[in-house]
Structure formats: structure tokens, C-alpha cells
PDB file of N, CA and C in Angstrom:
ATOM      1  N   MET A   1     129.160 103.057  40.482  1.00  0.00           N
ATOM      2  CA  MET A   1     129.801 104.169  41.148  1.00  0.00           C
ATOM      3  C   MET A   1     130.977 103.655  41.965  1.00  0.00           C
ATOM      4  N   ARG A   2     132.051 104.332  41.891  1.00  0.00           N
ATOM      5  CA  ARG A   2     133.279 103.926  42.546  1.00  0.00           C
ATOM      6  C   ARG A   2     133.412 104.589  43.920  1.00  0.00           C
ATOM      7  N   THR A   3     133.910 103.804  44.930  1.00  0.00           N
ATOM      8  CA  THR A   3     134.096 104.325  46.278  1.00  0.00           C
ATOM      9  C   THR A   3     135.412 105.082  46.342  1.00  0.00           C
ATOM     10  N   PRO A   4     135.404 106.281  46.927  1.00  0.00           N
ATOM     11  CA  PRO A   4     136.649 107.043  47.046  1.00  0.00           C
ATOM     12  C   PRO A   4     137.671 106.268  47.887  1.00  0.00           C
ATOM     13  N   PRO A   5     138.976 106.400  47.588  1.00  0.00           N
ATOM     14  CA  PRO A   5     140.017 105.639  48.287  1.00  0.00           C
ATOM     15  C   PRO A   5     140.033 105.862  49.798  1.00  0.00           C
ATOM     16  N   LEU A   6     139.797 107.077  50.266  1.00  0.00           N
ATOM     17  CA  LEU A   6     139.816 107.340  51.699  1.00  0.00           C
ATOM     18  C   LEU A   6     138.700 106.577  52.398  1.00  0.00           C
ATOM     19  N   ARG A   7     137.546 106.546  51.795  1.00  0.00           N
ATOM     20  CA  ARG A   7     136.403 105.831  52.376  1.00  0.00           C
ATOM     21  C   ARG A   7     136.700 104.325  52.430  1.00  0.00           C
ATOM     22  N   THR A   8     137.306 103.786  51.405  1.00  0.00           N
ATOM     23  CA  THR A   8     137.663 102.367  51.391  1.00  0.00           C
ATOM     24  C   THR A   8     138.645 102.062  52.513  1.00  0.00           C
ATOM     25  N   TYR A   9     139.625 102.931  52.706  1.00  0.00           N
ATOM     26  CA  TYR A   9     140.601 102.741  53.774  1.00  0.00           C
ATOM     27  C   TYR A   9     139.913 102.743  55.136  1.00  0.00           C
ATOM     28  N   LEU A  10     138.988 103.670  55.358  1.00  0.00           N
ATOM     29  CA  LEU A  10     138.281 103.746  56.634  1.00  0.00           C
ATOM     30  C   LEU A  10     137.428 102.505  56.861  1.00  0.00           C
ATOM     31  N   LEU A  11     136.795 102.010  55.815  1.00  0.00           N
ATOM     32  CA  LEU A  11     135.978 100.809  55.949  1.00  0.00           C
ATOM     33  C   LEU A  11     136.842  99.593  56.280  1.00  0.00           C
ATOM     34  N   LEU A  12     137.980  99.473  55.616  1.00  0.00           N
ATOM     35  CA  LEU A  12     138.860  98.335  55.862  1.00  0.00           C
ATOM     36  C   LEU A  12     139.562  98.418  57.212  1.00  0.00           C
ATOM     37  N   SER A  13     139.814  99.605  57.706  1.00  0.00           N
ATOM     38  CA  SER A  13     140.506  99.744  58.986  1.00  0.00           C
ATOM     39  C   SER A  13     139.603  99.362  60.160  1.00  0.00           C
ATOM     40  N   ASN A  14     138.295  99.328  59.947  1.00  0.00           N
ATOM     41  CA  ASN A  14     137.372  98.944  61.012  1.00  0.00           C
ATOM     42  C   ASN A  14     137.214  97.430  61.135  1.00  0.00           C
ATOM     43  N   ILE A  15     137.742  96.687  60.184  1.00  0.00           N
ATOM     44  CA  ILE A  15     137.633  95.236  60.221  1.00  0.00           C
ATOM     45  C   ILE A  15     138.708  94.690  61.144  1.00  0.00           C
ATOM     46  N   THR A  16     138.291  93.853  62.075  1.00  0.00           N
ATOM     47  CA  THR A  16     139.259  93.251  62.993  1.00  0.00           C
ATOM     48  C   THR A  16     139.592  91.846  62.511  1.00  0.00           C
ATOM     49  N   PRO A  17     140.828  91.442  62.628  1.00  0.00           N
ATOM     50  CA  PRO A  17     141.191  90.093  62.187  1.00  0.00           C
ATOM     51  C   PRO A  17     140.565  89.040  63.094  1.00  0.00           C
ATOM     52  N   THR A  18     140.171  87.920  62.513  1.00  0.00           N
ATOM     53  CA  THR A  18     139.539  86.858  63.292  1.00  0.00           C
ATOM     54  C   THR A  18     140.531  85.814  63.759  1.00  0.00           C
ATOM     55  N   THR A  19     141.740  85.834  63.233  1.00  0.00           N
ATOM     56  CA  THR A  19     142.746  84.865  63.659  1.00  0.00           C
ATOM     57  C   THR A  19     143.697  85.518  64.640  1.00  0.00           C
ATOM     58  N   ARG A  20     144.258  84.694  65.513  1.00  0.00           N
ATOM     59  CA  ARG A  20     145.219  85.204  66.483  1.00  0.00           C
ATOM     60  C   ARG A  20     146.594  85.296  65.866  1.00  0.00           C
ATOM     61  N   SER A  21     147.373  86.203  66.380  1.00  0.00           N
ATOM     62  CA  SER A  21     148.740  86.322  65.881  1.00  0.00           C
ATOM     63  C   SER A  21     149.631  85.226  66.468  1.00  0.00           C
ATOM     64  N   HIS A  22     149.276  84.692  67.646  1.00  0.00           N
ATOM     65  CA  HIS A  22     150.045  83.622  68.279  1.00  0.00           C
ATOM     66  C   HIS A  22     149.159  82.391  68.368  1.00  0.00           C
ATOM     67  N   SER A  23     149.425  81.412  67.538  1.00  0.00           N
ATOM     68  CA  SER A  23     148.580  80.223  67.520  1.00  0.00           C
ATOM     69  C   SER A  23     148.766  79.367  68.763  1.00  0.00           C
ATOM     70  N   SER A  24     149.890  79.500  69.453  1.00  0.00           N
ATOM     71  CA  SER A  24     150.119  78.688  70.646  1.00  0.00           C
ATOM     72  C   SER A  24     149.559  79.348  71.907  1.00  0.00           C
ATOM     73  N   ALA A  25     148.980  80.519  71.773  1.00  0.00           N
ATOM     74  CA  ALA A  25     148.434  81.213  72.936  1.00  0.00           C
ATOM     75  C   ALA A  25     147.228  80.451  73.470  1.00  0.00           C
ATOM     76  N   LYS A  26     147.109  80.427  74.783  1.00  0.00           N
ATOM     77  CA  LYS A  26     146.011  79.736  75.436  1.00  0.00           C
ATOM     78  C   LYS A  26     144.735  80.568  75.283  1.00  0.00           C
ATOM     79  N   PRO A  27     143.609  79.947  74.934  1.00  0.00           N
ATOM     80  CA  PRO A  27     142.380  80.729  74.803  1.00  0.00           C
ATOM     81  C   PRO A  27     141.967  81.292  76.158  1.00  0.00           C
ATOM     82  N   ARG A  28     141.561  82.520  76.175  1.00  0.00           N
ATOM     83  CA  ARG A  28     141.179  83.177  77.422  1.00  0.00           C
ATOM     84  C   ARG A  28     139.723  82.921  77.718  1.00  0.00           C
ATOM     85  N   ARG A  29     139.441  82.585  78.973  1.00  0.00           N
ATOM     86  CA  ARG A  29     138.057  82.417  79.393  1.00  0.00           C
ATOM     87  C   ARG A  29     137.523  83.787  79.772  1.00  0.00           C
ATOM     88  N   PRO A  30     136.253  84.024  79.538  1.00  0.00           N
ATOM     89  CA  PRO A  30     135.694  85.318  79.922  1.00  0.00           C
ATOM     90  C   PRO A  30     135.776  85.494  81.437  1.00  0.00           C
ATOM     91  N   SER A  31     136.030  86.710  81.868  1.00  0.00           N
ATOM     92  CA  SER A  31     136.145  86.952  83.302  1.00  0.00           C
ATOM     93  C   SER A  31     134.770  86.886  83.950  1.00  0.00           C
ATOM     94  N   SER A  32     134.763  86.432  85.183  1.00  0.00           N
ATOM     95  CA  SER A  32     133.521  86.271  85.923  1.00  0.00           C
ATOM     96  C   SER A  32     133.342  87.437  86.883  1.00  0.00           C
ATOM     97  N   LYS A  33     132.108  87.769  87.168  1.00  0.00           N
ATOM     98  CA  LYS A  33     131.825  88.813  88.148  1.00  0.00           C
ATOM     99  C   LYS A  33     132.172  88.335  89.554  1.00  0.00           C
ATOM    100  N   LEU A  34     132.235  87.011  89.734  1.00  0.00           N
ATOM    101  CA  LEU A  34     132.515  86.435  91.043  1.00  0.00           C
ATOM    102  C   LEU A  34     133.999  86.251  91.310  1.00  0.00           C
ATOM    103  N   GLY A  35     134.836  86.547  90.349  1.00  0.00           N
ATOM    104  CA  GLY A  35     136.273  86.375  90.517  1.00  0.00           C
ATOM    105  C   GLY A  35     136.770  85.182  89.719  1.00  0.00           C
ATOM    106  N   PRO A  36     137.951  84.687  90.036  1.00  0.00           N
ATOM    107  CA  PRO A  36     138.503  83.560  89.275  1.00  0.00           C
ATOM    108  C   PRO A  36     137.658  82.308  89.471  1.00  0.00           C
ATOM    109  N   THR A  37     137.494  81.547  88.410  1.00  0.00           N
ATOM    110  CA  THR A  37     136.683  80.339  88.473  1.00  0.00           C
ATOM    111  C   THR A  37     137.531  79.124  88.126  1.00  0.00           C
ATOM    112  N   VAL A  38     137.011  77.955  88.455  1.00  0.00           N
ATOM    113  CA  VAL A  38     137.693  76.705  88.117  1.00  0.00           C
ATOM    114  C   VAL A  38     136.963  76.059  86.955  1.00  0.00           C
ATOM    115  N   SER A  39     137.602  75.086  86.344  1.00  0.00           N
ATOM    116  CA  SER A  39     136.978  74.410  85.211  1.00  0.00           C
ATOM    117  C   SER A  39     135.795  73.573  85.692  1.00  0.00           C
ATOM    118  N   LEU A  40     134.912  73.249  84.774  1.00  0.00           N
ATOM    119  CA  LEU A  40     133.751  72.436  85.125  1.00  0.00           C
ATOM    120  C   LEU A  40     134.172  71.040  85.567  1.00  0.00           C
ATOM    121  N   ASP A  41     135.227  70.523  84.969  1.00  0.00           N
ATOM    122  CA  ASP A  41     135.720  69.202  85.353  1.00  0.00           C
ATOM    123  C   ASP A  41     136.188  69.214  86.807  1.00  0.00           C
ATOM    124  N   HIS A  42     136.942  70.236  87.176  1.00  0.00           N
ATOM    125  CA  HIS A  42     137.429  70.353  88.556  1.00  0.00           C
ATOM    126  C   HIS A  42     136.257  70.515  89.522  1.00  0.00           C
ATOM    127  N   ARG A  43     135.296  71.328  89.143  1.00  0.00           N
ATOM    128  CA  ARG A  43     134.129  71.562  89.996  1.00  0.00           C
ATOM    129  C   ARG A  43     133.352  70.272  90.217  1.00  0.00           C
ATOM    130  N   SER A  44     133.136  69.506  89.152  1.00  0.00           N
ATOM    131  CA  SER A  44     132.370  68.266  89.294  1.00  0.00           C
ATOM    132  C   SER A  44     133.122  67.246  90.146  1.00  0.00           C
ATOM    133  N   LYS A  45     134.457  67.199  90.032  1.00  0.00           N
ATOM    134  CA  LYS A  45     135.232  66.282  90.870  1.00  0.00           C
ATOM    135  C   LYS A  45     135.149  66.685  92.340  1.00  0.00           C
ATOM    136  N   ALA A  46     135.203  67.986  92.610  1.00  0.00           N
ATOM    137  CA  ALA A  46     135.126  68.464  93.992  1.00  0.00           C
ATOM    138  C   ALA A  46     133.761  68.149  94.595  1.00  0.00           C
ATOM    139  N   ILE A  47     132.700  68.371  93.835  1.00  0.00           N
ATOM    140  CA  ILE A  47     131.353  68.078  94.333  1.00  0.00           C
ATOM    141  C   ILE A  47     131.182  66.580  94.543  1.00  0.00           C
ATOM    142  N   SER A  48     131.710  65.784  93.628  1.00  0.00           N
ATOM    143  CA  SER A  48     131.629  64.328  93.752  1.00  0.00           C
ATOM    144  C   SER A  48     132.350  63.847  95.012  1.00  0.00           C
ATOM    145  N   LEU A  49     133.533  64.395  95.268  1.00  0.00           N
ATOM    146  CA  LEU A  49     134.284  64.035  96.470  1.00  0.00           C
ATOM    147  C   LEU A  49     133.511  64.432  97.723  1.00  0.00           C
ATOM    148  N   TYR A  50     132.957  65.632  97.737  1.00  0.00           N
ATOM    149  CA  TYR A  50     132.191  66.120  98.885  1.00  0.00           C
ATOM    150  C   TYR A  50     131.004  65.206  99.164  1.00  0.00           C
ATOM    151  N   ARG A  51     130.276  64.819  98.126  1.00  0.00           N
ATOM    152  CA  ARG A  51     129.119  63.930  98.306  1.00  0.00           C
ATOM    153  C   ARG A  51     129.542  62.554  98.801  1.00  0.00           C
ATOM    154  N   ARG A  52     130.648  62.035  98.256  1.00  0.00           N
ATOM    155  CA  ARG A  52     131.124  60.717  98.685  1.00  0.00           C
ATOM    156  C   ARG A  52     131.491  60.734 100.167  1.00  0.00           C
ATOM    157  N   ILE A  53     132.138  61.810 100.608  1.00  0.00           N
ATOM    158  CA  ILE A  53     132.514  61.915 102.016  1.00  0.00           C
ATOM    159  C   ILE A  53     131.268  61.991 102.887  1.00  0.00           C
ATOM    160  N   LEU A  54     130.273  62.781 102.467  1.00  0.00           N
ATOM    161  CA  LEU A  54     129.048  62.881 103.262  1.00  0.00           C
ATOM    162  C   LEU A  54     128.307  61.548 103.315  1.00  0.00           C
ATOM    163  N   ARG A  55     128.314  60.794 102.210  1.00  0.00           N
ATOM    164  CA  ARG A  55     127.686  59.466 102.219  1.00  0.00           C
ATOM    165  C   ARG A  55     128.413  58.535 103.186  1.00  0.00           C
ATOM    166  N   ASP A  56     129.741  58.612 103.185  1.00  0.00           N
ATOM    167  CA  ASP A  56     130.521  57.771 104.095  1.00  0.00           C
ATOM    168  C   ASP A  56     130.300  58.167 105.552  1.00  0.00           C
ATOM    169  N   CYS A  57     129.995  59.426 105.799  1.00  0.00           N
ATOM    170  CA  CYS A  57     129.745  59.884 107.169  1.00  0.00           C
ATOM    171  C   CYS A  57     128.498  59.229 107.757  1.00  0.00           C
ATOM    172  N   ARG A  58     127.599  58.781 106.912  1.00  0.00           N
ATOM    173  CA  ARG A  58     126.383  58.120 107.413  1.00  0.00           C
ATOM    174  C   ARG A  58     126.703  56.838 108.168  1.00  0.00           C
ATOM    175  N   ARG A  59     127.859  56.244 107.893  1.00  0.00           N
ATOM    176  CA  ARG A  59     128.234  54.990 108.555  1.00  0.00           C
ATOM    177  C   ARG A  59     128.716  55.198 109.983  1.00  0.00           C
ATOM    178  N   ILE A  60     128.953  56.426 110.388  1.00  0.00           N
ATOM    179  CA  ILE A  60     129.410  56.701 111.756  1.00  0.00           C
ATOM    180  C   ILE A  60     128.215  56.521 112.685  1.00  0.00           C
ATOM    181  N   PRO A  61     128.306  55.578 113.629  1.00  0.00           N
ATOM    182  CA  PRO A  61     127.134  55.264 114.455  1.00  0.00           C
ATOM    183  C   PRO A  61     126.734  56.375 115.434  1.00  0.00           C
ATOM    184  N   ASP A  62     127.689  57.053 116.026  1.00  0.00           N
ATOM    185  CA  ASP A  62     127.388  58.092 117.012  1.00  0.00           C
ATOM    186  C   ASP A  62     126.925  59.365 116.303  1.00  0.00           C
ATOM    187  N   ALA A  63     125.732  59.845 116.655  1.00  0.00           N
ATOM    188  CA  ALA A  63     125.152  61.015 115.984  1.00  0.00           C
ATOM    189  C   ALA A  63     125.999  62.272 116.197  1.00  0.00           C
ATOM    190  N   GLY A  64     126.540  62.439 117.391  1.00  0.00           N
ATOM    191  CA  GLY A  64     127.367  63.612 117.671  1.00  0.00           C
ATOM    192  C   GLY A  64     128.639  63.626 116.840  1.00  0.00           C
ATOM    193  N   SER A  65     129.283  62.475 116.762  1.00  0.00           N
ATOM    194  CA  SER A  65     130.505  62.370 115.948  1.00  0.00           C
ATOM    195  C   SER A  65     130.196  62.572 114.476  1.00  0.00           C
ATOM    196  N   ARG A  66     129.060  62.051 114.048  1.00  0.00           N
ATOM    197  CA  ARG A  66     128.653  62.201 112.639  1.00  0.00           C
ATOM    198  C   ARG A  66     128.473  63.670 112.288  1.00  0.00           C
ATOM    199  N   GLU A  67     127.767  64.413 113.135  1.00  0.00           N
ATOM    200  CA  GLU A  67     127.541  65.846 112.875  1.00  0.00           C
ATOM    201  C   GLU A  67     128.846  66.635 112.935  1.00  0.00           C
ATOM    202  N   GLU A  68     129.697  66.282 113.890  1.00  0.00           N
ATOM    203  CA  GLU A  68     130.986  66.968 113.998  1.00  0.00           C
ATOM    204  C   GLU A  68     131.828  66.731 112.738  1.00  0.00           C
ATOM    205  N   THR A  69     131.797  65.509 112.231  1.00  0.00           N
ATOM    206  CA  THR A  69     132.547  65.187 111.016  1.00  0.00           C
ATOM    207  C   THR A  69     131.985  65.941 109.822  1.00  0.00           C
ATOM    208  N   ARG A  70     130.667  65.997 109.709  1.00  0.00           N
ATOM    209  CA  ARG A  70     130.039  66.723 108.595  1.00  0.00           C
ATOM    210  C   ARG A  70     130.402  68.205 108.636  1.00  0.00           C
ATOM    211  N   ARG A  71     130.369  68.794 109.841  1.00  0.00           N
ATOM    212  CA  ARG A  71     130.741  70.214 109.963  1.00  0.00           C
ATOM    213  C   ARG A  71     132.204  70.430 109.600  1.00  0.00           C
ATOM    214  N   PHE A  72     133.070  69.515 110.065  1.00  0.00           N
ATOM    215  CA  PHE A  72     134.494  69.623 109.759  1.00  0.00           C
ATOM    216  C   PHE A  72     134.728  69.543 108.254  1.00  0.00           C
ATOM    217  N   VAL A  73     134.055  68.605 107.586  1.00  0.00           N
ATOM    218  CA  VAL A  73     134.224  68.440 106.136  1.00  0.00           C
ATOM    219  C   VAL A  73     133.770  69.697 105.410  1.00  0.00           C
ATOM    220  N   ARG A  74     132.617  70.221 105.791  1.00  0.00           N
ATOM    221  CA  ARG A  74     132.112  71.434 105.137  1.00  0.00           C
ATOM    222  C   ARG A  74     133.065  72.613 105.351  1.00  0.00           C
ATOM    223  N   ASP A  75     133.507  72.793 106.586  1.00  0.00           N
ATOM    224  CA  ASP A  75     134.438  73.890 106.879  1.00  0.00           C
ATOM    225  C   ASP A  75     135.753  73.724 106.120  1.00  0.00           C
ATOM    226  N   ASP A  76     136.217  72.480 106.015  1.00  0.00           N
ATOM    227  CA  ASP A  76     137.462  72.212 105.300  1.00  0.00           C
ATOM    228  C   ASP A  76     137.318  72.542 103.818  1.00  0.00           C
ATOM    229  N   PHE A  77     136.186  72.178 103.223  1.00  0.00           N
ATOM    230  CA  PHE A  77     135.961  72.506 101.816  1.00  0.00           C
ATOM    231  C   PHE A  77     135.857  74.019 101.625  1.00  0.00           C
ATOM    232  N   GLU A  78     135.188  74.703 102.541  1.00  0.00           N
ATOM    233  CA  GLU A  78     135.079  76.164 102.440  1.00  0.00           C
ATOM    234  C   GLU A  78     136.450  76.825 102.594  1.00  0.00           C
ATOM    235  N   ARG A  79     137.235  76.328 103.533  1.00  0.00           N
ATOM    236  CA  ARG A  79     138.560  76.909 103.785  1.00  0.00           C
ATOM    237  C   ARG A  79     139.481  76.727 102.578  1.00  0.00           C
ATOM    238  N   ASN A  80     139.333  75.629 101.863  1.00  0.00           N
ATOM    239  CA  ASN A  80     140.192  75.331 100.718  1.00  0.00           C
ATOM    240  C   ASN A  80     139.499  75.588  99.391  1.00  0.00           C
ATOM    241  N   ARG A  81     138.584  76.506  99.369  1.00  0.00           N
ATOM    242  CA  ARG A  81     137.789  76.797  98.169  1.00  0.00           C
ATOM    243  C   ARG A  81     138.646  77.146  96.954  1.00  0.00           C
ATOM    244  N   GLY A  82     139.712  77.889  97.121  1.00  0.00           N
ATOM    245  CA  GLY A  82     140.512  78.341  95.988  1.00  0.00           C
ATOM    246  C   GLY A  82     141.626  77.389  95.569  1.00  0.00           C
ATOM    247  N   VAL A  83     141.815  76.306  96.295  1.00  0.00           N
ATOM    248  CA  VAL A  83     142.896  75.366  95.990  1.00  0.00           C
ATOM    249  C   VAL A  83     142.484  74.492  94.816  1.00  0.00           C
ATOM    250  N   THR A  84     143.388  74.323  93.847  1.00  0.00           N
ATOM    251  CA  THR A  84     143.012  73.574  92.646  1.00  0.00           C
ATOM    252  C   THR A  84     143.469  72.120  92.666  1.00  0.00           C
ATOM    253  N   ASP A  85     144.498  71.772  93.420  1.00  0.00           N
ATOM    254  CA  ASP A  85     144.962  70.385  93.431  1.00  0.00           C
ATOM    255  C   ASP A  85     144.432  69.608  94.628  1.00  0.00           C
ATOM    256  N   LEU A  86     143.487  70.171  95.337  1.00  0.00           N
ATOM    257  CA  LEU A  86     142.980  69.568  96.561  1.00  0.00           C
ATOM    258  C   LEU A  86     142.167  68.308  96.299  1.00  0.00           C
ATOM    259  N   VAL A  87     141.496  68.230  95.170  1.00  0.00           N
ATOM    260  CA  VAL A  87     140.596  67.113  94.906  1.00  0.00           C
ATOM    261  C   VAL A  87     141.347  65.788  94.958  1.00  0.00           C
ATOM    262  N   LYS A  88     142.448  65.703  94.261  1.00  0.00           N
ATOM    263  CA  LYS A  88     143.216  64.452  94.221  1.00  0.00           C
ATOM    264  C   LYS A  88     143.775  64.119  95.605  1.00  0.00           C
ATOM    265  N   ARG A  89     144.342  65.119  96.268  1.00  0.00           N
ATOM    266  CA  ARG A  89     144.948  64.889  97.577  1.00  0.00           C
ATOM    267  C   ARG A  89     143.896  64.527  98.619  1.00  0.00           C
ATOM    268  N   SER A  90     142.763  65.221  98.619  1.00  0.00           N
ATOM    269  CA  SER A  90     141.714  64.959  99.597  1.00  0.00           C
ATOM    270  C   SER A  90     141.092  63.592  99.390  1.00  0.00           C
ATOM    271  N   GLY A  91     140.946  63.195  98.133  1.00  0.00           N
ATOM    272  CA  GLY A  91     140.390  61.873  97.857  1.00  0.00           C
ATOM    273  C   GLY A  91     141.256  60.778  98.454  1.00  0.00           C
ATOM    274  N   LYS A  92     142.563  60.900  98.317  1.00  0.00           N
ATOM    275  CA  LYS A  92     143.480  59.908  98.884  1.00  0.00           C
ATOM    276  C   LYS A  92     143.432  59.940 100.411  1.00  0.00           C
ATOM    277  N   GLU A  93     143.387  61.146 100.990  1.00  0.00           N
ATOM    278  CA  GLU A  93     143.309  61.272 102.445  1.00  0.00           C
ATOM    279  C   GLU A  93     142.047  60.613 102.972  1.00  0.00           C
ATOM    280  N   TRP A  94     140.922  60.878 102.313  1.00  0.00           N
ATOM    281  CA  TRP A  94     139.658  60.335 102.790  1.00  0.00           C
ATOM    282  C   TRP A  94     139.628  58.815 102.665  1.00  0.00           C
ATOM    283  N   LYS A  95     140.233  58.271 101.616  1.00  0.00           N
ATOM    284  CA  LYS A  95     140.309  56.812 101.491  1.00  0.00           C
ATOM    285  C   LYS A  95     141.044  56.224 102.685  1.00  0.00           C
ATOM    286  N   GLY A  96     142.145  56.863 103.076  1.00  0.00           N
ATOM    287  CA  GLY A  96     142.907  56.387 104.227  1.00  0.00           C
ATOM    288  C   GLY A  96     142.102  56.459 105.508  1.00  0.00           C
ATOM    289  N   ILE A  97     141.408  57.563 105.719  1.00  0.00           N
ATOM    290  CA  ILE A  97     140.588  57.730 106.921  1.00  0.00           C
ATOM    291  C   ILE A  97     139.455  56.716 106.912  1.00  0.00           C
ATOM    292  N   SER A  98     138.830  56.538 105.768  1.00  0.00           N
ATOM    293  CA  SER A  98     137.717  55.607 105.638  1.00  0.00           C
ATOM    294  C   SER A  98     138.173  54.176 105.928  1.00  0.00           C
ATOM    295  N   LEU A  99     139.346  53.801 105.411  1.00  0.00           N
ATOM    296  CA  LEU A  99     139.872  52.454 105.669  1.00  0.00           C
ATOM    297  C   LEU A  99     140.193  52.270 107.149  1.00  0.00           C
ATOM    298  N   GLU A 100     140.744  53.299 107.794  1.00  0.00           N
ATOM    299  CA  GLU A 100     141.026  53.225 109.228  1.00  0.00           C
ATOM    300  C   GLU A 100     139.744  53.011 110.010  1.00  0.00           C
ATOM    301  N   TYR A 101     138.693  53.716 109.640  1.00  0.00           N
ATOM    302  CA  TYR A 101     137.421  53.597 110.345  1.00  0.00           C
ATOM    303  C   TYR A 101     136.853  52.193 110.167  1.00  0.00           C
ATOM    304  N   ASP A 102     136.976  51.636 108.955  1.00  0.00           N
ATOM    305  CA  ASP A 102     136.486  50.280 108.702  1.00  0.00           C
ATOM    306  C   ASP A 102     137.233  49.263 109.565  1.00  0.00           C
ATOM    307  N   VAL A 103     138.533  49.460 109.745  1.00  0.00           N
ATOM    308  CA  VAL A 103     139.331  48.543 110.563  1.00  0.00           C
ATOM    309  C   VAL A 103     138.931  48.658 112.029  1.00  0.00           C
ATOM    310  N   LEU A 104     138.685  49.888 112.496  1.00  0.00           N
ATOM    311  CA  LEU A 104     138.345  50.101 113.899  1.00  0.00           C
ATOM    312  C   LEU A 104     136.939  49.630 114.246  1.00  0.00           C
ATOM    313  N   SER A 105     136.031  49.637 113.302  1.00  0.00           N
ATOM    314  CA  SER A 105     134.645  49.264 113.630  1.00  0.00           C
ATOM    315  C   SER A 105     134.369  47.803 113.429  1.00  0.00           C
TER     316      SER A 105
END
């Protein structure tokens, strides 16, 4: 039995192409309910930096200064939550601060 031409047209018009018309277009990430997100690589670098700073804070002998530094670091990370180039810059800053502390102690 042969399919009527109109029915064939309707069936074919429902098919969506699987290839993009612009091959150089950047693939879109699905939108998040929480808003814009960062890549997993960026997230892991930020968490790694945060942990390294907290580990280095353990070397501060005065308990009050240690807690103040930990609070400052946490607040600074929260304040700069949406910044994407902060990881590289903060890592360099912390190295400088850490080296200064080593020289002073």
C-alpha cells in the first residue's frame, strides 16, 4: 500500500536535522536552575586553591590570627564567587603572602 503524498510530507516535516548549520558554533551547555555555572576544571582548581590556603593557615601559631585568616579567606572566596580568572591570580597572591610569612617566622 502506498502512502499518500501529503502524509509523507507531514511525516518528513516532523524530522529535525541532527547536524548543526554552523559547524564552528560553540556547543551550548544546558542551563542550570542555579544560574550560570563554571566548568568542572575551574571548579576543581578553585576548591584546590581554597584547601591549600586553609592547610597553610594551620602554620599560623596564634589561634586568633588563624581564625581571622580563615574567615577572611572564606569571605573573599564568597565575595568573588562569580569571577572566572580569580584562581590563577589568587594562587600567585597566596604564594607571595605565604613566602612573606615564611620569611617573617
